[in-house]
Amino acid sequence: MVSWLKCNVTKGMMPEEFAVVMNISGGRQISLFAAAKFVRTDPGRLLVTVVDKKRDEVLVYLPSSPFEISSRAVTVPARELVAE
């Protein structure tokens, strides 16, 4: 299942790319570059694949690798996901 994750979006280095910053569990933020097909700019959203849901947290798979950690699978607060 796919869902949209709230995030901050700015232009990336390439024409069809965006820089994305998002909140993950534990009060941390991570960032990545994502292709335009995975991003909505207004409001900022990133298309992710939902892997598992638990009470207030959701394990998602990101469309590209974040800079701060080595895994594309991250846990995010459930409130950060948006059904659109």
C-alpha atoms as a PDB file:
ATOM      1  CA  MET A   1       0.000   0.000   0.000  1.00  0.00           C
ATOM      2  CA  VAL A   2       1.241   3.503  -0.756  1.00  0.00           C
ATOM      3  CA  SER A   3       0.611   6.693   1.173  1.00  0.00           C
ATOM      4  CA  TRP A   4       1.752  10.309   1.250  1.00  0.00           C
ATOM      5  CA  LEU A   5       4.172  11.443   3.954  1.00  0.00           C
ATOM      6  CA  LYS A   6       4.219  15.070   5.113  1.00  0.00           C
ATOM      7  CA  CYS A   7       7.550  16.736   4.375  1.00  0.00           C
ATOM      8  CA  ASN A   8       9.308  19.948   3.394  1.00  0.00           C
ATOM      9  CA  VAL A   9      10.124  20.115  -0.311  1.00  0.00           C
ATOM     10  CA  THR A  10      12.558  22.354  -2.188  1.00  0.00           C
ATOM     11  CA  LYS A  11      14.122  22.199  -5.649  1.00  0.00           C
ATOM     12  CA  GLY A  12      16.860  19.616  -6.050  1.00  0.00           C
ATOM     13  CA  MET A  13      20.078  19.761  -8.004  1.00  0.00           C
ATOM     14  CA  MET A  14      18.580  18.289 -11.195  1.00  0.00           C
ATOM     15  CA  PRO A  15      15.511  19.574 -13.090  1.00  0.00           C
ATOM     16  CA  GLU A  16      13.266  16.590 -12.273  1.00  0.00           C
ATOM     17  CA  GLU A  17      14.431  16.190  -8.671  1.00  0.00           C
ATOM     18  CA  PHE A  18      13.438  17.609  -5.294  1.00  0.00           C
ATOM     19  CA  ALA A  19      15.182  17.875  -1.929  1.00  0.00           C
ATOM     20  CA  VAL A  20      12.956  16.437   0.791  1.00  0.00           C
ATOM     21  CA  VAL A  21      13.179  16.742   4.597  1.00  0.00           C
ATOM     22  CA  MET A  22      10.878  14.643   6.770  1.00  0.00           C
ATOM     23  CA  ASN A  23      10.256  13.786  10.417  1.00  0.00           C
ATOM     24  CA  ILE A  24      10.852  10.227  11.561  1.00  0.00           C
ATOM     25  CA  SER A  25      10.207   8.533  14.886  1.00  0.00           C
ATOM     26  CA  GLY A  26      12.334   9.584  17.818  1.00  0.00           C
ATOM     27  CA  GLY A  27      12.002  13.280  16.980  1.00  0.00           C
ATOM     28  CA  ARG A  28      14.643  13.106  14.235  1.00  0.00           C
ATOM     29  CA  GLN A  29      14.674  14.506  10.718  1.00  0.00           C
ATOM     30  CA  ILE A  30      16.192  12.963   7.624  1.00  0.00           C
ATOM     31  CA  SER A  31      16.647  14.238   4.087  1.00  0.00           C
ATOM     32  CA  LEU A  32      16.942  12.827   0.586  1.00  0.00           C
ATOM     33  CA  PHE A  33      16.656  13.663  -3.085  1.00  0.00           C
ATOM     34  CA  ALA A  34      13.544  12.254  -4.791  1.00  0.00           C
ATOM     35  CA  ALA A  35      12.383  12.113  -8.394  1.00  0.00           C
ATOM     36  CA  ALA A  36       9.504  14.445  -9.216  1.00  0.00           C
ATOM     37  CA  LYS A  37       7.085  11.517  -9.699  1.00  0.00           C
ATOM     38  CA  PHE A  38       7.310  10.787  -5.940  1.00  0.00           C
ATOM     39  CA  VAL A  39       6.746  14.370  -4.764  1.00  0.00           C
ATOM     40  CA  ARG A  40       3.910  16.866  -4.339  1.00  0.00           C
ATOM     41  CA  THR A  41       5.144  20.365  -3.696  1.00  0.00           C
ATOM     42  CA  ASP A  42       2.099  22.176  -2.319  1.00  0.00           C
ATOM     43  CA  PRO A  43       1.697  21.048   0.348  1.00  0.00           C
ATOM     44  CA  GLY A  44       4.897  19.031   0.665  1.00  0.00           C
ATOM     45  CA  ARG A  45       4.282  15.303   0.349  1.00  0.00           C
ATOM     46  CA  LEU A  46       6.453  12.271  -0.467  1.00  0.00           C
ATOM     47  CA  LEU A  47       5.007   9.043  -1.865  1.00  0.00           C
ATOM     48  CA  VAL A  48       6.078   6.105   0.319  1.00  0.00           C
ATOM     49  CA  THR A  49       5.226   2.407   0.561  1.00  0.00           C
ATOM     50  CA  VAL A  50       3.650   1.345   3.853  1.00  0.00           C
ATOM     51  CA  VAL A  51       5.282  -1.852   5.123  1.00  0.00           C
ATOM     52  CA  ASP A  52       3.772  -2.231   8.601  1.00  0.00           C
ATOM     53  CA  LYS A  53       1.496  -0.296  10.956  1.00  0.00           C
ATOM     54  CA  LYS A  54       1.575  -0.225  14.736  1.00  0.00           C
ATOM     55  CA  ARG A  55      -0.379   2.042  17.061  1.00  0.00           C
ATOM     56  CA  ASP A  56       1.264   5.425  16.601  1.00  0.00           C
ATOM     57  CA  GLU A  57       4.060   4.441  14.238  1.00  0.00           C
ATOM     58  CA  VAL A  58       4.265   3.232  10.662  1.00  0.00           C
ATOM     59  CA  LEU A  59       7.175   1.504   8.948  1.00  0.00           C
ATOM     60  CA  VAL A  60       7.553   2.946   5.445  1.00  0.00           C
ATOM     61  CA  TYR A  61       9.895   2.344   2.526  1.00  0.00           C
ATOM     62  CA  LEU A  62      11.281   5.533   0.960  1.00  0.00           C
ATOM     63  CA  PRO A  63      11.670   6.035  -2.817  1.00  0.00           C
ATOM     64  CA  SER A  64      15.395   6.823  -2.412  1.00  0.00           C
ATOM     65  CA  SER A  65      18.130   6.562   0.204  1.00  0.00           C
ATOM     66  CA  PRO A  66      18.332   9.234   2.905  1.00  0.00           C
ATOM     67  CA  PHE A  67      21.648  10.915   3.668  1.00  0.00           C
ATOM     68  CA  GLU A  68      21.645  10.452   7.443  1.00  0.00           C
ATOM     69  CA  ILE A  69      20.973   6.707   7.694  1.00  0.00           C
ATOM     70  CA  SER A  70      21.771   3.658   5.558  1.00  0.00           C
ATOM     71  CA  SER A  71      18.257   2.227   5.245  1.00  0.00           C
ATOM     72  CA  ARG A  72      15.328   3.200   3.031  1.00  0.00           C
ATOM     73  CA  ALA A  73      12.966   1.575   5.559  1.00  0.00           C
ATOM     74  CA  VAL A  74      12.156   4.039   8.351  1.00  0.00           C
ATOM     75  CA  THR A  75       9.580   4.354  11.114  1.00  0.00           C
ATOM     76  CA  VAL A  76       7.503   7.529  11.101  1.00  0.00           C
ATOM     77  CA  PRO A  77       4.802   8.839  13.430  1.00  0.00           C
ATOM     78  CA  ALA A  78       1.380   7.796  12.070  1.00  0.00           C
ATOM     79  CA  ARG A  79       0.257  11.463  12.191  1.00  0.00           C
ATOM     80  CA  GLU A  80       2.815  12.234   9.451  1.00  0.00           C
ATOM     81  CA  LEU A  81       0.943  10.130   6.873  1.00  0.00           C
ATOM     82  CA  VAL A  82      -1.859  11.665   4.829  1.00  0.00           C
ATOM     83  CA  ALA A  83      -4.594   9.795   2.968  1.00  0.00           C
ATOM     84  CA  GLU A  84      -5.096  11.594  -0.333  1.00  0.00           C
END
